[in-house]
Amino acid sequence: MRDTLIASKDQAQELELVLRRKGKTSMKKAKKNIKNFKKFIQSVRRTVVINQDHVLLSPSQEKQERL
């Protein structure tokens, strides 16, 4: 699960290109967005790890988590 949450550098650069092509954001903003996104993912990961003992996922939920 953790591996799927972390975007690779290539994916981050791809996301940057897509954002820039759409003209919605500059290079600087795109990088900032990616950094914020990674921070968000890390914070989510921490809460998932902390709550793992208490949260029991049904098989269907687990499948969704893996995707």
N, C-alpha and C. Protein backbone atom coordinates (compact mmCIF):
# COMPACT_ATOMS: atom_id res chain seq x y z
N MET A 1 0.83 -1.20 0.00
CA MET A 1 0.00 0.00 0.00
C MET A 1 0.87 1.25 0.00
N ARG A 2 1.90 1.27 0.83
CA ARG A 2 2.74 2.47 0.93
C ARG A 2 3.40 2.81 -0.41
N ASP A 3 3.86 1.77 -1.13
CA ASP A 3 4.56 2.01 -2.39
C ASP A 3 3.67 2.73 -3.39
N THR A 4 2.38 2.37 -3.41
CA THR A 4 1.48 2.97 -4.39
C THR A 4 1.20 4.44 -4.06
N LEU A 5 1.32 4.81 -2.79
CA LEU A 5 1.03 6.19 -2.40
C LEU A 5 2.15 7.15 -2.78
N ILE A 6 3.36 6.65 -2.87
CA ILE A 6 4.49 7.53 -3.16
C ILE A 6 4.66 7.63 -4.68
N ALA A 7 4.52 8.84 -5.18
CA ALA A 7 4.70 9.04 -6.62
C ALA A 7 6.19 9.04 -6.94
N SER A 8 6.54 8.41 -8.04
CA SER A 8 7.94 8.40 -8.45
C SER A 8 8.30 9.76 -9.03
N LYS A 9 9.59 10.00 -9.17
CA LYS A 9 10.05 11.28 -9.70
C LYS A 9 9.54 11.49 -11.12
N ASP A 10 9.53 10.40 -11.91
CA ASP A 10 9.03 10.49 -13.29
C ASP A 10 7.57 10.91 -13.31
N GLN A 11 6.79 10.32 -12.42
CA GLN A 11 5.37 10.65 -12.35
C GLN A 11 5.19 12.11 -11.97
N ALA A 12 6.01 12.58 -11.05
CA ALA A 12 5.92 13.97 -10.62
C ALA A 12 6.23 14.91 -11.78
N GLN A 13 7.27 14.57 -12.54
CA GLN A 13 7.64 15.40 -13.70
C GLN A 13 6.55 15.35 -14.76
N GLU A 14 5.95 14.19 -14.94
CA GLU A 14 4.87 14.04 -15.91
C GLU A 14 3.70 14.93 -15.50
N LEU A 15 3.37 14.89 -14.21
CA LEU A 15 2.28 15.71 -13.68
C LEU A 15 2.58 17.19 -13.92
N GLU A 16 3.83 17.57 -13.69
CA GLU A 16 4.26 18.94 -13.93
C GLU A 16 4.00 19.34 -15.37
N LEU A 17 4.41 18.48 -16.30
CA LEU A 17 4.24 18.78 -17.73
C LEU A 17 2.77 18.95 -18.08
N VAL A 18 1.94 18.06 -17.56
CA VAL A 18 0.50 18.13 -17.84
C VAL A 18 -0.06 19.45 -17.32
N LEU A 19 0.30 19.79 -16.10
CA LEU A 19 -0.19 21.04 -15.50
C LEU A 19 0.26 22.24 -16.32
N ARG A 20 1.52 22.23 -16.75
CA ARG A 20 2.05 23.36 -17.51
C ARG A 20 1.38 23.45 -18.88
N ARG A 21 1.14 22.29 -19.51
CA ARG A 21 0.51 22.28 -20.83
C ARG A 21 -0.88 22.91 -20.76
N LYS A 22 -1.58 22.63 -19.68
CA LYS A 22 -2.92 23.18 -19.53
C LYS A 22 -2.86 24.69 -19.28
N GLY A 23 -1.68 25.17 -18.94
CA GLY A 23 -1.51 26.60 -18.72
C GLY A 23 -2.14 27.07 -17.43
N LYS A 24 -2.47 26.14 -16.55
CA LYS A 24 -3.12 26.51 -15.30
C LYS A 24 -2.13 27.02 -14.28
N THR A 25 -0.87 26.64 -14.45
CA THR A 25 0.10 26.97 -13.42
C THR A 25 1.49 27.09 -14.00
N SER A 26 2.32 27.82 -13.33
CA SER A 26 3.71 27.98 -13.76
C SER A 26 4.54 26.82 -13.23
N MET A 27 5.78 26.75 -13.66
CA MET A 27 6.70 25.71 -13.21
C MET A 27 6.83 25.75 -11.68
N LYS A 28 7.00 26.96 -11.14
CA LYS A 28 7.17 27.10 -9.70
C LYS A 28 5.95 26.58 -8.95
N LYS A 29 4.78 26.96 -9.42
CA LYS A 29 3.55 26.52 -8.76
C LYS A 29 3.38 25.01 -8.86
N ALA A 30 3.73 24.47 -10.03
CA ALA A 30 3.60 23.03 -10.23
C ALA A 30 4.48 22.28 -9.23
N LYS A 31 5.72 22.76 -9.06
CA LYS A 31 6.63 22.12 -8.11
C LYS A 31 6.08 22.21 -6.70
N LYS A 32 5.53 23.39 -6.36
CA LYS A 32 4.97 23.59 -5.03
C LYS A 32 3.80 22.63 -4.80
N ASN A 33 2.95 22.50 -5.82
CA ASN A 33 1.81 21.60 -5.72
C ASN A 33 2.26 20.17 -5.47
N ILE A 34 3.30 19.76 -6.19
CA ILE A 34 3.80 18.40 -6.05
C ILE A 34 4.38 18.19 -4.65
N LYS A 35 5.12 19.21 -4.15
CA LYS A 35 5.68 19.11 -2.80
C LYS A 35 4.55 18.98 -1.78
N ASN A 36 3.52 19.83 -1.92
CA ASN A 36 2.40 19.79 -1.00
C ASN A 36 1.69 18.45 -1.07
N PHE A 37 1.56 17.94 -2.29
CA PHE A 37 0.91 16.65 -2.49
C PHE A 37 1.68 15.55 -1.79
N LYS A 38 3.02 15.58 -1.93
CA LYS A 38 3.85 14.56 -1.28
C LYS A 38 3.74 14.67 0.24
N LYS A 39 3.73 15.91 0.77
CA LYS A 39 3.57 16.11 2.21
C LYS A 39 2.25 15.54 2.66
N PHE A 40 1.20 15.82 1.87
CA PHE A 40 -0.13 15.32 2.18
C PHE A 40 -0.14 13.79 2.22
N ILE A 41 0.49 13.18 1.21
CA ILE A 41 0.57 11.71 1.16
C ILE A 41 1.28 11.18 2.40
N GLN A 42 2.39 11.83 2.78
CA GLN A 42 3.15 11.37 3.96
C GLN A 42 2.30 11.48 5.22
N SER A 43 1.55 12.58 5.36
CA SER A 43 0.73 12.74 6.55
C SER A 43 -0.38 11.68 6.57
N VAL A 44 -0.94 11.41 5.40
CA VAL A 44 -1.97 10.37 5.31
C VAL A 44 -1.37 9.03 5.70
N ARG A 45 -0.15 8.76 5.18
CA ARG A 45 0.50 7.49 5.48
C ARG A 45 0.70 7.33 6.98
N ARG A 46 1.13 8.41 7.63
CA ARG A 46 1.35 8.35 9.08
C ARG A 46 0.06 8.01 9.81
N THR A 47 -1.04 8.67 9.43
CA THR A 47 -2.29 8.40 10.13
C THR A 47 -2.75 6.97 9.86
N VAL A 48 -2.52 6.49 8.64
CA VAL A 48 -2.89 5.11 8.32
C VAL A 48 -2.10 4.14 9.19
N VAL A 49 -0.80 4.39 9.33
CA VAL A 49 0.06 3.52 10.13
C VAL A 49 -0.38 3.56 11.59
N ILE A 50 -0.67 4.76 12.11
CA ILE A 50 -1.06 4.92 13.51
C ILE A 50 -2.38 4.18 13.77
N ASN A 51 -3.31 4.30 12.82
CA ASN A 51 -4.65 3.76 13.03
C ASN A 51 -4.80 2.31 12.58
N GLN A 52 -3.72 1.74 12.04
CA GLN A 52 -3.82 0.40 11.47
C GLN A 52 -4.36 -0.63 12.46
N ASP A 53 -3.93 -0.54 13.72
CA ASP A 53 -4.35 -1.52 14.72
C ASP A 53 -5.86 -1.47 14.95
N HIS A 54 -6.43 -0.27 14.81
CA HIS A 54 -7.83 -0.10 15.16
C HIS A 54 -8.76 -0.29 13.96
N VAL A 55 -8.22 -0.11 12.77
CA VAL A 55 -9.07 -0.15 11.58
C VAL A 55 -9.01 -1.53 10.93
N LEU A 56 -10.17 -2.13 10.79
CA LEU A 56 -10.25 -3.41 10.09
C LEU A 56 -10.95 -3.17 8.76
N LEU A 57 -10.25 -3.48 7.68
CA LEU A 57 -10.81 -3.25 6.35
C LEU A 57 -11.51 -4.50 5.85
N SER A 58 -12.63 -4.31 5.21
CA SER A 58 -13.28 -5.43 4.53
C SER A 58 -12.49 -5.73 3.27
N PRO A 59 -12.58 -6.94 2.73
CA PRO A 59 -11.81 -7.29 1.52
C PRO A 59 -12.02 -6.31 0.37
N SER A 60 -13.25 -5.84 0.18
CA SER A 60 -13.51 -4.91 -0.93
C SER A 60 -12.78 -3.59 -0.70
N GLN A 61 -12.72 -3.13 0.54
CA GLN A 61 -12.00 -1.89 0.85
C GLN A 61 -10.51 -2.07 0.60
N GLU A 62 -9.98 -3.25 0.97
CA GLU A 62 -8.55 -3.51 0.76
C GLU A 62 -8.21 -3.44 -0.72
N LYS A 63 -9.08 -3.99 -1.55
CA LYS A 63 -8.83 -3.96 -3.00
C LYS A 63 -8.77 -2.52 -3.49
N GLN A 64 -9.68 -1.68 -3.01
CA GLN A 64 -9.71 -0.28 -3.41
C GLN A 64 -8.43 0.42 -2.95
N GLU A 65 -7.96 0.09 -1.77
CA GLU A 65 -6.74 0.70 -1.23
C GLU A 65 -5.54 0.39 -2.12
N ARG A 66 -5.51 -0.83 -2.66
CA ARG A 66 -4.36 -1.25 -3.46
C ARG A 66 -4.31 -0.54 -4.81
N LEU A 67 -5.47 -0.17 -5.33
CA LEU A 67 -5.52 0.45 -6.66
C LEU A 67 -4.96 1.84 -6.67
